[in-house]
Amino acid sequence: MYSFPTPLANLIEQLGSLPGIGPKSAQRLAFHLVAESQERIEQFVEALVQAKEKLQTCCECFALCDGERCEVCADGERDQETLCVVQDTRDVFALERMNAYRGLYHVLGGVISPLDGVGPDQLHLRPLLERLKRATIREVILATSTTMEGEATAHYLAKLLRGVEELRVTRIAHGIPIGGDLEYADDLTLARALEYRHEMA
């Protein structure tokens, strides 16, 4: 039986270890990469090395950035009284892309997941509480995912922040996407859509 040459097999194995990349996708990517020019591969490798060496977490919100503070935290024009708590930096970019939120962020670095050995102590919760003490935050928006772990984390945070005076704790609404049909929505999404209904103007 024909087998891949060792260097190609090693490349496929490494690519296949990336999240969301299955065996077929790993093979396609590997064949694409080996067909590229030496210059293009060197640029690709250099981009990976630069990203690994130069990216760090913001000292304020823990989002990935290339300096001590990220652009959001360094922007004095942002709403300094609203803080959106998210799981990771990808969520920050997703919210920024819609250009509708002008407050600050706090990146937890994950969600509470006992099965994966992630508890509250592994997340950036203590820095969050310290931040709330020294800043003039009036509202914390919990924007974790709607997975079981994301929901558990949101409930844990809501309970944790309940004792902070003059602080409004909110949760992003979840429901039917624009253009979506009710028949294709799962039970939890439908329940959330009903729970977070609002009056028509």
Protein backbone atom coordinates (compact mmCIF):
# COMPACT_ATOMS: atom_id res chain seq x y z
CA MET A 1 0.00 0.00 0.00
CA TYR A 2 1.29 3.44 -1.00
CA SER A 3 2.13 5.73 1.95
CA PHE A 4 3.03 9.39 2.07
CA PRO A 5 6.72 10.30 2.18
CA THR A 6 7.78 10.90 5.79
CA PRO A 7 8.16 14.72 5.54
CA LEU A 8 4.70 15.01 3.94
CA ALA A 9 3.16 12.63 6.49
CA ASN A 10 4.68 14.69 9.32
CA LEU A 11 3.26 17.90 7.83
CA ILE A 12 -0.20 16.34 7.48
CA GLU A 13 -0.02 15.14 11.08
CA GLN A 14 0.91 18.61 12.37
CA LEU A 15 -1.82 20.32 10.34
CA GLY A 16 -4.35 17.74 11.48
CA SER A 17 -3.61 18.58 15.11
CA LEU A 18 -5.04 22.09 14.59
CA PRO A 19 -8.63 22.68 15.78
CA GLY A 20 -11.26 22.24 13.08
CA ILE A 21 -8.86 20.55 10.65
CA GLY A 22 -9.82 16.98 9.77
CA PRO A 23 -7.65 14.41 7.94
CA LYS A 24 -8.85 15.39 4.43
CA SER A 25 -8.40 19.11 5.09
CA ALA A 26 -4.94 18.46 6.53
CA GLN A 27 -3.95 16.59 3.36
CA ARG A 28 -5.30 19.36 1.11
CA LEU A 29 -3.43 22.02 3.07
CA ALA A 30 -0.22 19.98 3.10
CA PHE A 31 -0.26 19.45 -0.68
CA HIS A 32 -1.03 23.15 -1.17
CA LEU A 33 1.86 24.22 1.03
CA VAL A 34 4.47 21.94 -0.56
CA ALA A 35 3.44 23.29 -3.97
CA GLU A 36 4.17 26.87 -2.87
CA SER A 37 7.46 28.62 -3.68
CA GLN A 38 10.30 28.61 -1.16
CA GLU A 39 9.86 32.37 -0.71
CA ARG A 40 6.17 32.02 0.08
CA ILE A 41 6.84 29.27 2.63
CA GLU A 42 9.51 31.40 4.31
CA GLN A 43 7.05 34.30 4.53
CA PHE A 44 4.46 31.96 6.04
CA VAL A 45 6.90 30.58 8.59
CA GLU A 46 8.11 34.10 9.44
CA ALA A 47 4.52 35.23 10.06
CA LEU A 48 4.02 32.32 12.48
CA VAL A 49 7.27 33.07 14.32
CA GLN A 50 6.48 36.80 14.54
CA ALA A 51 2.99 36.11 15.85
CA LYS A 52 4.34 33.76 18.51
CA GLU A 53 7.17 36.09 19.56
CA LYS A 54 5.43 39.47 19.44
CA LEU A 55 1.86 38.80 20.56
CA GLN A 56 1.13 39.20 24.26
CA THR A 57 -1.88 39.80 26.46
CA CYS A 58 -3.04 43.30 27.31
CA CYS A 59 -2.12 44.19 30.89
CA GLU A 60 -5.63 45.59 31.39
CA CYS A 61 -8.14 43.32 29.61
CA PHE A 62 -6.05 40.25 28.65
CA ALA A 63 -6.87 40.45 24.93
CA LEU A 64 -4.08 39.55 22.51
CA CYS A 65 -2.12 42.57 21.30
CA ASP A 66 1.37 43.57 20.20
CA GLY A 67 2.03 46.07 22.99
CA GLU A 68 1.52 46.50 26.71
CA ARG A 69 -2.06 47.67 26.21
CA CYS A 70 -4.51 46.87 23.41
CA GLU A 71 -6.06 49.54 21.18
CA VAL A 72 -9.39 49.42 23.02
CA CYS A 73 -7.91 49.95 26.49
CA ALA A 74 -5.64 52.70 25.17
CA ASP A 75 -8.56 54.56 23.57
CA GLY A 76 -9.71 57.28 25.96
CA GLU A 77 -12.79 57.91 23.80
CA ARG A 78 -14.32 54.55 24.71
CA ASP A 79 -17.14 54.32 27.25
CA GLN A 80 -15.21 53.78 30.50
CA GLU A 81 -18.30 52.76 32.49
CA THR A 82 -19.30 49.66 30.48
CA LEU A 83 -17.35 46.42 30.53
CA CYS A 84 -18.10 43.42 28.30
CA VAL A 85 -16.80 40.10 29.64
CA VAL A 86 -15.90 37.57 26.91
CA GLN A 87 -14.20 34.19 26.70
CA ASP A 88 -11.28 35.02 24.41
CA THR A 89 -9.83 37.59 22.01
CA ARG A 90 -11.81 36.20 19.07
CA ASP A 91 -14.98 37.40 20.79
CA VAL A 92 -13.52 40.91 21.09
CA PHE A 93 -12.90 41.03 17.34
CA ALA A 94 -16.39 39.66 16.64
CA LEU A 95 -18.02 42.40 18.72
CA GLU A 96 -15.75 45.11 17.32
CA ARG A 97 -16.61 44.04 13.77
CA MET A 98 -20.24 45.05 14.22
CA ASN A 99 -19.14 48.56 15.26
CA ALA A 100 -22.04 48.94 17.70
CA TYR A 101 -20.33 48.55 21.08
CA ARG A 102 -18.08 51.34 22.36
CA GLY A 103 -17.26 50.13 25.87
CA LEU A 104 -14.33 48.18 27.29
CA TYR A 105 -13.63 44.43 27.43
CA HIS A 106 -12.36 41.84 29.85
CA VAL A 107 -11.14 38.51 28.44
CA LEU A 108 -11.60 35.55 30.79
CA GLY A 109 -9.26 33.24 28.91
CA GLY A 110 -11.82 30.44 28.71
CA VAL A 111 -14.88 29.15 30.56
CA ILE A 112 -15.44 27.08 33.67
CA SER A 113 -15.23 23.44 32.60
CA PRO A 114 -14.60 20.89 35.37
CA LEU A 115 -14.30 18.05 32.85
CA ASP A 116 -11.36 19.86 31.25
CA GLY A 117 -9.86 20.78 34.60
CA VAL A 118 -10.73 24.48 34.24
CA GLY A 119 -12.09 26.10 37.36
CA PRO A 120 -12.60 29.75 38.36
CA ASP A 121 -8.97 30.00 39.50
CA GLN A 122 -7.75 29.30 35.95
CA LEU A 123 -9.67 32.28 34.54
CA HIS A 124 -8.94 36.01 34.82
CA LEU A 125 -11.57 36.53 37.52
CA ARG A 126 -9.41 38.05 40.23
CA PRO A 127 -8.10 40.76 37.87
CA LEU A 128 -11.74 41.44 36.90
CA LEU A 129 -12.73 42.03 40.53
CA GLU A 130 -9.67 44.22 41.08
CA ARG A 131 -10.51 46.19 37.97
CA LEU A 132 -14.04 46.80 39.19
CA LYS A 133 -12.68 48.15 42.47
CA ARG A 134 -10.40 50.74 40.90
CA ALA A 135 -12.50 51.72 37.86
CA THR A 136 -15.88 53.45 37.53
CA ILE A 137 -17.65 50.54 35.84
CA ARG A 138 -21.45 50.86 36.03
CA GLU A 139 -22.45 47.87 33.87
CA VAL A 140 -20.87 44.50 33.21
CA ILE A 141 -22.19 42.67 30.14
CA LEU A 142 -21.70 38.90 30.29
CA ALA A 143 -21.05 37.75 26.71
CA THR A 144 -19.90 34.17 27.16
CA SER A 145 -21.12 31.52 24.72
CA THR A 146 -24.43 29.68 25.00
CA THR A 147 -22.73 26.33 25.57
CA MET A 148 -23.30 24.57 28.88
CA GLU A 149 -19.89 25.77 30.05
CA GLY A 150 -20.52 29.33 28.85
CA GLU A 151 -23.86 29.46 30.64
CA ALA A 152 -22.36 28.05 33.84
CA THR A 153 -19.61 30.68 33.69
CA ALA A 154 -22.13 33.48 33.16
CA HIS A 155 -24.19 32.30 36.16
CA TYR A 156 -21.07 32.02 38.30
CA LEU A 157 -20.02 35.56 37.35
CA ALA A 158 -23.49 36.97 37.95
CA LYS A 159 -23.48 35.49 41.45
CA LEU A 160 -19.91 36.69 42.07
CA LEU A 161 -20.71 40.26 41.00
CA ARG A 162 -24.02 40.47 42.82
CA GLY A 163 -22.31 41.99 45.86
CA VAL A 164 -20.65 44.84 43.96
CA GLU A 165 -22.48 48.05 44.79
CA GLU A 166 -24.05 50.18 42.05
CA LEU A 167 -23.13 47.63 39.40
CA ARG A 168 -25.62 46.47 36.77
CA VAL A 169 -24.92 42.94 35.52
CA THR A 170 -26.53 42.02 32.19
CA ARG A 171 -26.39 39.03 29.83
CA ILE A 172 -26.43 39.28 26.05
CA ALA A 173 -29.72 38.09 24.55
CA HIS A 174 -29.88 34.88 22.52
CA GLY A 175 -32.58 33.98 20.07
CA ILE A 176 -33.55 33.38 16.46
CA PRO A 177 -31.06 34.75 13.93
CA ILE A 178 -32.21 37.21 11.28
CA GLY A 179 -33.64 35.25 8.35
CA GLY A 180 -33.94 32.07 10.43
CA ASP A 181 -37.00 29.81 10.43
CA LEU A 182 -38.52 28.67 13.74
CA GLU A 183 -38.76 25.07 12.57
CA TYR A 184 -34.96 24.83 12.28
CA ALA A 185 -34.19 26.38 15.68
CA ASP A 186 -33.28 24.10 18.57
CA ASP A 187 -35.34 24.02 21.77
CA LEU A 188 -32.87 26.07 23.83
CA THR A 189 -32.69 28.82 21.20
CA LEU A 190 -36.47 29.01 21.02
CA ALA A 191 -36.73 29.13 24.81
CA ARG A 192 -34.19 31.96 24.92
CA ALA A 193 -35.99 33.85 22.16
CA LEU A 194 -39.19 33.73 24.22
CA GLU A 195 -37.43 34.55 27.49
CA TYR A 196 -35.75 37.67 26.09
CA ARG A 197 -38.75 38.94 24.12
CA HIS A 198 -39.43 42.68 24.19
CA GLU A 199 -42.34 45.01 23.47
CA MET A 200 -42.88 46.18 19.90
CA ALA A 201 -42.64 49.94 19.51
